[in-house]
Protein backbone atom coordinates (compact mmCIF):
# COMPACT_ATOMS: atom_id res chain seq x y z
CA MET A 1 -25.45 7.53 -54.87
CA ILE A 2 -22.62 8.90 -55.07
CA PHE A 3 -18.56 7.77 -54.51
CA ARG A 4 -15.39 8.98 -53.45
CA VAL A 5 -13.21 8.05 -56.75
CA LYS A 6 -9.84 9.39 -57.17
CA GLN A 7 -8.99 8.89 -60.73
CA GLY A 8 -7.06 11.04 -63.13
CA PHE A 9 -8.61 14.10 -61.37
CA ILE A 10 -10.38 14.31 -57.38
CA ALA A 11 -13.90 13.93 -57.39
CA SER A 12 -16.12 17.35 -56.44
CA ALA A 13 -16.40 18.55 -53.23
CA LEU A 14 -19.87 19.09 -53.82
CA LEU A 15 -20.73 15.10 -53.41
CA THR A 16 -23.75 15.53 -50.96
CA VAL A 17 -23.08 11.80 -49.82
CA VAL A 18 -20.25 9.62 -49.41
CA GLY A 19 -19.09 6.71 -51.39
CA LEU A 20 -20.74 3.12 -50.42
CA PHE A 21 -20.05 -0.07 -51.80
CA ALA A 22 -23.88 0.26 -53.52
CA ALA A 23 -23.71 3.62 -54.12
CA CYS A 24 -22.72 6.83 -56.85
CA GLU A 25 -19.53 7.81 -58.22
CA GLN A 26 -18.59 10.54 -60.41
CA PRO A 27 -17.38 9.70 -64.12
CA THR A 28 -15.37 7.03 -64.30
CA ASN A 29 -12.53 7.55 -67.55
CA LEU A 30 -13.79 6.38 -70.44
CA ASN A 31 -12.36 4.37 -72.82
CA THR A 32 -14.47 5.23 -75.81
CA THR A 33 -16.46 8.56 -77.02
CA VAL A 34 -19.21 8.66 -79.01
CA ASN A 35 -20.91 12.22 -80.37
CA SER A 36 -24.19 11.53 -81.53
CA ASN A 37 -25.68 14.28 -82.18
CA ALA A 38 -28.18 15.36 -85.19
CA ASN A 39 -26.93 17.54 -87.19
CA ASN A 40 -30.39 19.78 -86.97
CA ALA A 41 -31.82 19.51 -83.67
CA ALA A 42 -33.36 21.88 -82.12
CA PRO A 43 -31.89 23.68 -79.28
CA ILE A 44 -33.68 22.94 -75.98
CA THR A 45 -34.02 25.84 -74.43
CA ALA A 46 -33.62 26.69 -70.42
CA ALA A 47 -37.01 28.18 -70.20
CA SER A 48 -37.88 28.58 -66.57
CA PRO A 49 -41.15 26.86 -64.97
CA ALA A 50 -44.19 29.54 -64.88
CA ALA A 51 -43.55 31.99 -62.14
CA THR A 52 -44.88 31.10 -58.77
CA PRO A 53 -44.85 31.56 -55.07
CA ARG A 54 -42.16 29.55 -53.35
CA ALA A 55 -43.74 27.36 -50.91
CA GLU A 56 -40.75 26.07 -49.31
CA ASN A 57 -40.04 26.32 -45.99
CA PRO A 58 -36.79 28.80 -45.75
CA ARG A 59 -35.49 26.17 -43.18
CA ALA A 60 -35.42 23.86 -45.83
CA GLU A 61 -32.80 25.61 -47.95
CA ALA A 62 -31.04 27.17 -44.95
CA ASN A 63 -30.35 24.35 -42.67
CA LEU A 64 -29.41 21.55 -45.73
CA PRO A 65 -28.58 18.84 -43.49
CA VAL A 66 -24.24 18.65 -42.43
CA THR A 67 -23.79 15.05 -41.67
CA LEU A 68 -20.67 13.35 -41.13
CA PRO A 69 -20.79 11.29 -44.20
CA VAL A 70 -21.27 14.37 -46.26
CA LEU A 71 -18.26 16.45 -44.36
CA ASP A 72 -16.47 12.93 -45.48
CA ALA A 73 -17.33 13.25 -49.54
CA MET A 74 -16.40 17.03 -49.26
CA PHE A 75 -12.68 15.74 -48.32
CA ALA A 76 -12.25 14.38 -51.73
CA ASP A 77 -11.40 17.67 -53.00
CA GLU A 78 -8.15 18.68 -52.07
CA SER A 79 -8.87 22.14 -52.29
CA PHE A 80 -11.58 21.43 -49.08
CA ALA A 81 -8.84 21.03 -46.23
CA GLY A 82 -7.25 24.05 -47.81
CA GLU A 83 -10.26 26.16 -47.57
CA LEU A 84 -10.96 24.99 -43.84
CA LYS A 85 -7.40 26.43 -43.29
CA SER A 86 -7.70 29.87 -45.04
CA LYS A 87 -11.41 30.45 -44.64
CA LEU A 88 -11.84 29.22 -40.71
CA GLY A 89 -8.48 29.35 -39.82
CA LEU A 90 -8.42 25.54 -38.51
CA THR A 91 -4.94 23.94 -37.90
CA ASP A 92 -3.60 20.93 -39.57
CA GLU A 93 -4.30 18.88 -36.08
CA GLN A 94 -8.41 19.84 -36.35
CA ILE A 95 -8.41 19.38 -39.96
CA GLY A 96 -6.82 16.05 -39.58
CA ARG A 97 -9.23 15.23 -36.70
CA LEU A 98 -11.91 16.14 -38.89
CA GLN A 99 -10.79 13.76 -41.55
CA THR A 100 -10.83 11.01 -38.83
CA ILE A 101 -13.81 11.31 -37.26
CA SER A 102 -15.86 11.64 -40.62
CA ARG A 103 -14.07 8.71 -42.17
CA GLU A 104 -14.78 6.80 -39.41
CA ALA A 105 -18.77 7.67 -39.78
CA VAL A 106 -18.52 5.94 -42.82
CA GLY A 107 -16.61 2.55 -42.17
CA ASN A 108 -19.70 2.61 -39.81
CA LEU A 109 -22.07 2.42 -42.38
CA SER A 110 -23.81 -0.83 -43.60
CA GLU A 111 -25.31 -1.37 -47.27
CA LEU A 112 -26.93 -4.28 -46.21
CA GLU A 113 -30.19 -4.85 -48.26
CA THR A 114 -31.77 -6.54 -45.33
CA ASP A 115 -31.35 -4.01 -42.78
CA GLU A 116 -34.41 -2.68 -41.60
CA SER A 117 -33.00 -0.11 -39.28
CA THR A 118 -35.04 3.44 -39.45
CA GLY A 119 -33.43 6.60 -38.73
CA SER A 120 -33.38 10.38 -39.32
CA THR A 121 -31.94 13.18 -40.74
CA THR A 122 -31.96 15.35 -37.67
CA GLU A 123 -30.37 12.53 -35.73
CA ALA A 124 -27.69 12.14 -38.48
CA VAL A 125 -27.04 15.93 -38.15
CA LYS A 126 -26.95 15.95 -34.06
CA ARG A 127 -24.41 13.53 -34.11
CA ALA A 128 -21.99 15.31 -36.99
CA GLN A 129 -23.03 18.83 -34.92
CA GLU A 130 -21.90 17.37 -31.18
CA GLN A 131 -18.64 15.66 -32.80
CA ILE A 132 -17.49 18.54 -34.78
CA ARG A 133 -17.91 21.19 -32.08
CA SER A 134 -15.82 18.54 -29.94
CA VAL A 135 -13.05 19.37 -32.80
CA VAL A 136 -13.16 22.86 -33.64
CA GLY A 137 -15.64 25.00 -30.73
CA GLU A 138 -19.06 26.27 -31.18
CA ASP A 139 -18.38 28.93 -33.60
CA LYS A 140 -16.03 27.90 -36.15
CA ALA A 141 -18.63 24.57 -36.25
CA ALA A 142 -21.25 26.45 -37.26
CA GLN A 143 -18.67 28.16 -40.02
CA LEU A 144 -17.91 25.12 -41.41
CA ALA A 145 -21.62 23.96 -41.49
CA GLY A 146 -22.03 26.99 -43.57
CA LEU A 147 -19.18 26.52 -45.93
CA VAL A 148 -20.56 22.83 -46.81
CA ARG A 149 -23.67 23.98 -47.73
CA GLU A 150 -22.24 26.61 -49.68
CA ARG A 151 -20.18 24.29 -51.39
CA TRP A 152 -23.55 21.95 -51.70
CA GLN A 153 -26.00 24.50 -53.10
CA GLN A 154 -23.61 25.57 -55.92
CA GLY A 155 -22.89 21.85 -57.24
CA SER A 156 -23.12 22.09 -61.08
CA PHE A 157 -26.03 24.35 -60.93
CA ASP A 158 -27.10 24.68 -64.31
CA GLU A 159 -25.74 28.15 -65.52
CA THR A 160 -28.48 28.86 -68.07
CA ALA A 161 -31.07 29.14 -65.66
CA ALA A 162 -28.94 30.20 -63.07
CA ASN A 163 -30.80 34.03 -62.95
CA GLU A 164 -34.51 32.15 -62.49
CA PRO A 165 -34.37 29.04 -60.03
CA PRO A 166 -36.85 26.60 -60.05
CA LYS A 167 -39.93 27.63 -58.55
CA SER A 168 -42.08 25.38 -56.22
CA ASN A 169 -44.93 23.26 -57.54
CA SER A 170 -44.67 24.65 -61.18
CA VAL A 171 -45.30 23.25 -64.60
CA PRO A 172 -42.46 23.46 -67.06
CA THR A 173 -42.59 24.93 -70.20
CA ASP A 174 -39.84 23.92 -72.00
CA THR A 175 -38.04 20.07 -72.10
CA ARG A 176 -36.18 18.95 -68.80
CA ILE A 177 -36.36 15.97 -66.20
CA VAL A 178 -38.21 17.05 -62.98
CA VAL A 179 -37.30 14.84 -60.19
CA ASN A 180 -39.83 15.36 -56.94
CA ALA A 181 -37.52 13.53 -54.14
CA PRO A 182 -40.83 12.96 -51.64
CA ALA A 183 -43.08 11.68 -54.33
CA TYR A 184 -40.18 8.92 -55.83
CA ARG A 185 -41.05 10.21 -59.37
CA MET A 186 -38.88 11.22 -62.06
CA ASP A 187 -40.70 12.84 -65.17
CA LEU A 188 -39.64 13.98 -68.43
CA PHE A 189 -41.35 16.89 -70.05
CA LYS A 190 -40.93 17.57 -74.06
CA ASP A 191 -41.90 21.38 -74.56
CA GLY A 192 -43.85 21.63 -71.33
CA GLN A 193 -45.57 18.61 -72.16
CA LEU A 194 -45.51 15.38 -69.84
CA VAL A 195 -44.54 12.05 -71.93
CA ARG A 196 -43.10 9.64 -69.13
CA SER A 197 -42.89 9.18 -65.78
CA TYR A 198 -40.63 6.74 -63.53
CA LYS A 199 -41.24 5.33 -60.12
CA ILE A 200 -37.53 5.88 -58.64
CA GLY A 201 -35.41 5.17 -55.52
CA ILE A 202 -34.21 8.43 -53.30
CA GLY A 203 -30.94 8.92 -50.96
CA TYR A 204 -31.40 7.51 -47.66
CA PRO A 205 -32.34 10.44 -44.93
CA GLU A 206 -28.74 10.23 -44.36
CA PHE A 207 -27.56 11.12 -47.62
CA PRO A 208 -30.76 13.35 -49.23
CA LEU A 209 -31.05 13.66 -52.78
CA PRO A 210 -29.97 17.41 -53.60
CA THR A 211 -32.35 20.19 -54.82
CA GLY A 212 -31.76 22.39 -57.22
CA LEU A 213 -31.30 23.30 -61.40
CA ARG A 214 -28.85 20.89 -62.88
CA LYS A 215 -28.11 19.21 -66.22
CA ALA A 216 -27.72 15.57 -68.10
CA GLU A 217 -25.19 16.32 -71.11
CA THR A 218 -23.64 12.25 -71.64
CA LEU A 219 -25.10 9.03 -71.58
CA ILE A 220 -22.41 6.37 -70.14
CA PHE A 221 -22.64 2.90 -71.11
CA ASN A 222 -21.03 -0.11 -69.29
CA PRO A 223 -19.32 1.92 -66.38
CA THR A 224 -16.46 0.23 -64.19
CA TRP A 225 -16.31 1.10 -60.71
CA THR A 226 -12.66 1.00 -58.91
CA PRO A 227 -13.05 0.95 -55.37
CA PRO A 228 -11.12 3.43 -53.17
CA ASP A 229 -9.03 2.60 -50.23
CA GLU A 230 -11.64 3.28 -47.26
CA PRO A 231 -12.56 1.54 -44.42
CA TRP A 232 -15.77 0.35 -46.17
CA VAL A 233 -14.17 -1.62 -48.72
CA LYS A 234 -14.61 -5.06 -47.80
CA GLY A 235 -15.95 -8.56 -48.59
CA LYS A 236 -15.27 -9.29 -52.20
CA ILE A 237 -14.63 -5.92 -53.07
CA GLN A 238 -11.14 -5.06 -53.05
CA PRO A 239 -9.79 -1.33 -52.72
CA GLY A 240 -7.89 -0.70 -56.48
CA LYS A 241 -9.17 -3.45 -58.37
CA LYS A 242 -11.40 -2.05 -61.15
CA VAL A 243 -15.13 -3.80 -60.84
CA GLU A 244 -15.88 -4.39 -64.51
CA ALA A 245 -19.39 -3.34 -66.03
CA GLY A 246 -22.53 -6.04 -65.81
CA SER A 247 -20.65 -7.60 -62.52
CA ALA A 248 -23.07 -8.22 -59.52
CA LEU A 249 -20.32 -6.32 -57.78
CA ASN A 250 -20.95 -3.07 -59.73
CA PRO A 251 -23.74 -1.05 -57.95
CA LEU A 252 -24.59 1.08 -60.91
CA GLY A 253 -25.64 -1.04 -63.53
CA PRO A 254 -25.74 -1.01 -67.35
CA ILE A 255 -25.79 2.73 -67.86
CA LYS A 256 -25.10 6.03 -65.30
CA ILE A 257 -25.89 9.46 -66.51
CA PRO A 258 -24.37 12.44 -64.39
CA ILE A 259 -26.31 15.15 -63.35
CA GLY A 260 -23.99 17.50 -62.15
CA SER A 261 -22.01 17.04 -58.33
CA PRO A 262 -22.75 15.02 -56.50
CA SER A 263 -25.49 13.19 -58.28
CA LEU A 264 -25.91 10.24 -61.03
CA ILE A 265 -28.98 8.83 -62.50
CA HIS A 266 -28.45 4.97 -62.54
CA GLY A 267 -29.69 1.25 -62.69
CA GLY A 268 -28.30 -1.55 -60.57
CA LYS A 269 -31.83 -1.23 -58.36
CA ASN A 270 -33.63 -3.99 -57.15
CA PRO A 271 -37.59 -2.92 -58.32
CA ALA A 272 -38.79 -3.94 -54.62
CA ARG A 273 -36.51 -0.27 -53.72
CA LEU A 274 -38.23 2.08 -55.97
CA GLY A 275 -40.91 3.72 -54.44
CA GLY A 276 -38.33 4.08 -51.41
CA PHE A 277 -35.24 4.67 -49.99
CA ALA A 278 -32.72 2.80 -52.41
CA SER A 279 -29.43 4.95 -52.88
CA HIS A 280 -27.15 7.60 -51.59
CA GLY A 281 -28.03 10.64 -52.94
CA CYS A 282 -28.64 9.82 -56.47
CA VAL A 283 -31.70 8.31 -58.22
CA GLY A 284 -32.16 5.00 -58.58
CA LEU A 285 -33.58 3.05 -61.49
CA THR A 286 -33.82 -0.88 -62.22
CA ASN A 287 -31.45 -1.68 -65.15
CA GLU A 288 -34.81 -1.66 -67.21
CA GLN A 289 -35.86 1.42 -66.27
CA VAL A 290 -32.14 3.19 -67.13
CA GLN A 291 -31.79 2.03 -70.37
CA GLN A 292 -35.79 2.83 -71.48
CA VAL A 293 -34.03 6.82 -69.88
CA ALA A 294 -31.19 6.45 -71.73
CA LEU A 295 -33.86 6.26 -75.12
CA ASP A 296 -36.01 8.84 -73.92
CA LEU A 297 -32.87 11.42 -73.44
CA ALA A 298 -31.82 10.65 -76.81
CA GLN A 299 -34.94 11.26 -78.57
CA LEU A 300 -35.93 14.05 -76.34
CA THR A 301 -32.52 15.71 -77.47
CA GLY A 302 -32.00 14.61 -81.21
CA THR A 303 -29.43 12.30 -80.12
CA GLN A 304 -28.68 9.69 -82.94
CA VAL A 305 -28.95 6.29 -80.45
CA THR A 306 -31.56 3.78 -81.51
CA ALA A 307 -32.50 0.88 -79.21
CA GLU A 308 -30.02 -1.25 -81.16
CA ASP A 309 -27.23 0.77 -80.66
CA ALA A 310 -28.16 0.80 -77.43
CA LYS A 311 -27.93 -2.93 -77.01
CA ASN A 312 -25.05 -2.95 -79.04
CA TYR A 313 -23.26 -1.13 -76.91
CA LEU A 314 -24.23 -2.90 -73.94
CA LYS A 315 -23.57 -6.09 -75.48
CA ASN A 316 -19.32 -5.37 -74.62
CA LYS A 317 -19.56 -5.16 -71.04
CA THR A 318 -15.17 -4.12 -71.16
CA GLU A 319 -15.77 -1.50 -73.20
CA THR A 320 -17.20 2.19 -71.36
CA LYS A 321 -18.80 4.46 -74.24
CA ASN A 322 -19.64 7.93 -73.51
CA VAL A 323 -22.21 9.13 -75.89
CA LYS A 324 -22.81 12.72 -75.52
CA LEU A 325 -25.93 14.30 -75.78
CA SER A 326 -26.61 16.51 -78.44
CA GLN A 327 -27.22 19.37 -76.25
CA PRO A 328 -27.83 19.24 -72.64
CA ILE A 329 -31.00 19.04 -70.93
CA PRO A 330 -32.13 20.56 -67.90
CA VAL A 331 -32.53 18.50 -64.88
CA GLU A 332 -34.71 20.08 -61.74
CA LEU A 333 -34.33 18.42 -58.49
CA ARG A 334 -37.48 19.18 -56.27
CA TYR A 335 -38.60 18.94 -52.69
CA GLU A 336 -42.13 19.01 -52.33
CA THR A 337 -43.82 17.82 -49.90
CA ILE A 338 -47.28 19.45 -50.52
CA VAL A 339 -48.51 19.35 -54.66
CA VAL A 340 -51.69 19.65 -56.11
CA GLU A 341 -51.80 17.60 -58.93
CA ASP A 342 -54.65 17.41 -61.78
CA GLY A 343 -56.86 18.55 -59.81
CA LYS A 344 -56.28 17.08 -56.41
CA LEU A 345 -54.28 17.71 -53.44
CA LYS A 346 -51.01 15.45 -52.53
CA ILE A 347 -49.41 15.75 -49.17
CA PHE A 348 -46.04 13.57 -48.91
CA ARG A 349 -44.09 12.25 -45.97
CA ASP A 350 -41.48 14.65 -45.05
CA VAL A 351 -38.86 11.86 -44.92
CA TYR A 352 -35.99 14.56 -45.25
CA GLU A 353 -37.86 16.54 -41.96
CA ARG A 354 -37.26 19.81 -43.90
CA GLY A 355 -40.54 20.93 -41.99
CA THR A 356 -42.40 21.60 -45.20
CA ASN A 357 -45.65 20.20 -44.25
CA THR A 358 -47.04 23.16 -42.68
CA GLU A 359 -50.23 25.30 -42.79
CA GLU A 360 -47.99 28.05 -44.18
CA ASN A 361 -46.88 26.38 -47.14
CA LEU A 362 -49.93 24.71 -47.49
CA ARG A 363 -51.59 28.11 -48.34
CA ALA A 364 -48.65 29.46 -50.65
CA VAL A 365 -49.08 25.94 -52.33
CA LEU A 366 -53.47 26.98 -52.72
CA GLN A 367 -52.97 30.74 -53.80
CA ALA A 368 -50.57 29.68 -56.40
CA GLN A 369 -53.41 27.85 -58.05
CA GLY A 370 -56.00 30.61 -57.38
CA VAL A 371 -57.55 29.04 -54.11
CA ALA A 372 -57.47 30.49 -50.79
CA TYR A 373 -57.23 28.15 -48.09
CA ASP A 374 -59.94 30.16 -46.03
CA SER A 375 -62.21 30.01 -48.80
CA LEU A 376 -62.18 25.97 -48.25
CA SER A 377 -65.16 24.25 -46.75
CA GLU A 378 -64.60 23.27 -42.64
CA GLN A 379 -64.79 19.46 -43.79
CA GLU A 380 -62.06 20.22 -46.63
CA ARG A 381 -59.93 22.03 -44.04
CA ALA A 382 -59.98 19.53 -41.30
CA LYS A 383 -58.97 16.89 -43.65
CA ILE A 384 -55.96 19.00 -44.74
CA SER A 385 -54.85 19.69 -41.12
CA GLU A 386 -55.30 16.22 -40.45
CA ALA A 387 -53.26 14.93 -43.41
CA LEU A 388 -50.68 17.52 -42.93
CA LYS A 389 -49.87 16.41 -38.95
CA GLN A 390 -49.32 12.61 -40.46
CA MET A 391 -47.39 13.62 -43.15
CA ALA A 392 -45.20 15.59 -40.62
CA ARG A 393 -43.24 12.71 -39.82
CA ASP A 394 -39.74 11.11 -39.78
CA PRO A 395 -39.16 8.21 -41.39
CA ALA A 396 -39.37 6.02 -38.05
CA GLY A 397 -43.25 7.63 -37.68
CA ASN A 398 -41.76 10.53 -35.00
CA PRO A 399 -43.38 13.97 -35.32
CA VAL A 400 -40.80 16.30 -37.51
CA GLU A 401 -39.62 19.04 -35.43
CA ALA A 402 -37.48 22.07 -35.98
CA MET A 403 -34.00 21.42 -34.49
CA PRO A 404 -33.10 24.42 -32.42
CA ALA A 405 -29.88 26.04 -33.02
CA GLY A 406 -26.73 24.52 -31.42
CA SER A 407 -28.99 21.40 -30.41
CA VAL A 408 -26.70 17.59 -29.60
CA ASN A 409 -27.41 14.59 -28.43
CA ASN A 410 -25.38 11.74 -26.91
CA ASN A 411 -25.62 9.49 -29.43
CA SER A 412 -22.51 7.93 -30.57
CA ASN A 413 -21.55 6.94 -34.23
CA LYS A 414 -20.86 3.61 -33.54
CA ASN A 415 -22.96 1.31 -35.27
CA VAL A 416 -25.14 3.58 -37.58
CA LYS A 417 -27.14 2.66 -40.65
CA GLU A 418 -28.60 3.87 -43.40
CA THR A 419 -32.26 4.07 -42.78
CA LYS A 420 -33.90 1.91 -44.98
CA THR A 421 -37.83 1.93 -44.13
CA ILE A 422 -40.58 4.11 -44.10
CA LYS A 423 -42.96 3.44 -41.14
CA GLY A 424 -46.74 4.61 -41.76
CA ALA A 425 -48.31 5.87 -44.74
CA LYS A 426 -46.28 7.99 -47.61
CA GLU A 427 -48.53 10.46 -48.98
CA ALA A 428 -52.00 11.58 -48.19
CA THR A 429 -54.65 12.44 -51.31
CA ILE A 430 -57.24 14.95 -50.65
CA GLU A 431 -60.45 15.44 -53.07
CA ILE A 432 -60.85 19.27 -53.49
CA ALA A 433 -63.50 20.56 -55.63
CA ALA A 434 -61.84 24.33 -55.68
CA LEU A 435 -58.75 22.58 -57.68
CA LYS A 436 -60.83 20.62 -60.41
CA GLY A 437 -58.63 20.86 -63.71
CA LYS A 438 -55.58 22.72 -61.60
CA GLY A 439 -52.25 21.56 -60.90
CA TYR A 440 -49.50 19.61 -62.10
CA PRO A 441 -49.66 17.03 -64.12
CA VAL A 442 -50.77 13.18 -63.44
CA ALA A 443 -47.98 10.67 -64.37
CA VAL A 444 -47.76 9.81 -67.43
CA ASP A 445 -47.16 6.11 -69.32
CA LEU A 446 -45.48 5.66 -65.90
CA ASN A 447 -42.50 2.83 -65.51
CA THR A 448 -42.33 1.23 -62.22
CA GLY A 449 -39.23 -0.77 -62.81
CA GLY A 450 -40.35 -3.44 -65.47
CA LYS A 451 -39.73 -3.06 -69.26
CA SER A 452 -40.92 -0.14 -71.35
CA ALA A 453 -39.73 -0.16 -75.22
CA LYS A 454 -42.38 2.05 -76.29
CA PRO A 455 -41.20 5.20 -78.16
CA LEU A 456 -41.93 8.54 -76.40
CA GLY A 457 -45.17 10.19 -78.18
CA THR A 458 -46.77 7.16 -78.88
CA ASN A 459 -48.87 6.41 -75.76
CA THR A 460 -52.31 8.29 -75.01
CA GLY A 461 -53.37 7.21 -71.99
CA LYS A 462 -52.15 8.65 -68.73
CA ASN A 463 -51.22 6.26 -65.54
CA ALA A 464 -52.44 8.11 -62.44
CA ASN A 465 -50.70 5.76 -60.23
CA THR A 466 -47.77 6.97 -58.59
CA GLY A 467 -45.78 3.77 -57.38
CA ASN A 468 -46.62 5.23 -53.97
CA THR A 469 -50.01 2.96 -52.86
CA ASN A 470 -49.66 -0.52 -51.99
CA ALA A 471 -51.97 -2.85 -49.82
CA SER A 472 -50.81 -1.83 -46.48
CA GLY A 473 -52.02 1.57 -47.16
CA GLN A 474 -49.43 3.84 -48.28
CA ASN A 475 -51.38 6.57 -50.23
CA LYS A 476 -54.54 7.71 -47.54
CA ARG A 477 -57.42 9.23 -49.09
CA PHE A 478 -59.10 11.88 -46.70
């Protein structure tokens, strides 16, 4: 999740989501910097994943959701208002009105953990379209949305692999982190071998986890948080008053790991929030998980940070420590709802409503594995068709439909709340004989929120439970 934080510098304009009091932030000013680099660590190459056809619907990238809170986050960078004036020709009055409506949208949001509201990305985008058009008109609204998407997509992309962007449904050949949002799963790879998996919480539909190739360079122990003077700062939290690390009011947990604007990997989450919506644009973990992730990344990068070191860092909660990894590690953020995993076809819920659960995309995923859709049995195709239909639904259970260009609705932005729950199954698993032995690896040593003290490489077994299955039927088998 992401915070708008105005400190010694202005947070990047590429924030996907606005800073809420249980959200993420850009790195704070650090009291101590620790460079724990191994002298002879082998460099991590940003080798591209194996080439496979891109199966995602172009709509998923061409129409990144522009909501009012996203717009509000863009205004965190002072240069954004200047671009609206120079590139779009907006007046100071129009820019001021945009700032007001986006700020008010944030003020109306609630982060109560007991909230059971359900909504959708589409609804949030429609509300934004309507209000932005009322300020700048139809043509300028379209241009503004394009500018926001351009800045969003550029957010700290890993330049070492910029010429070879991530491919769909591929297995890395290098050392990297892979996060697939609709699977609620984060994987750590070493030299192309999956060594650990984590069950995670993802961004709410109104504040989606972005996609793209980024990198992690720093482990930040005991992060503090200084709430800005915003309308959503209320209750026990006071604007401008620093919230110490370890405080129940600090949403970041004991460790945060910046992965490029707009996101972090950080702790502070209740285990019950994993496997669902839990953040404002970040990878959410429990405190125990994020401590293990920090040690895993240190080991993967050859950085000299032991469990005892981490324990000592966390003892003194008033001292923030910035531990620089000996070398950056690529972080690949994916949105893949159709995955071949260890010989099985998995179709995940299209929770961000990107229109990815289609037969066209399904055919491309199968083709990448050397399997033709038309070669499947009639029974297998029938199961796939039913699974695609059931998983092509928004969090409230409504069918996902492409948003018509220029569409609006008459919903006001009053009392808008983050979507916290998902109605119905989150994934479907289909047994396909022709896929035996193919696909992305099953989860390894899956950490579902508890403690995990085993060093990487000591676990030889695999855990096929992705954390999305429960007694209420969250995983359907066909």
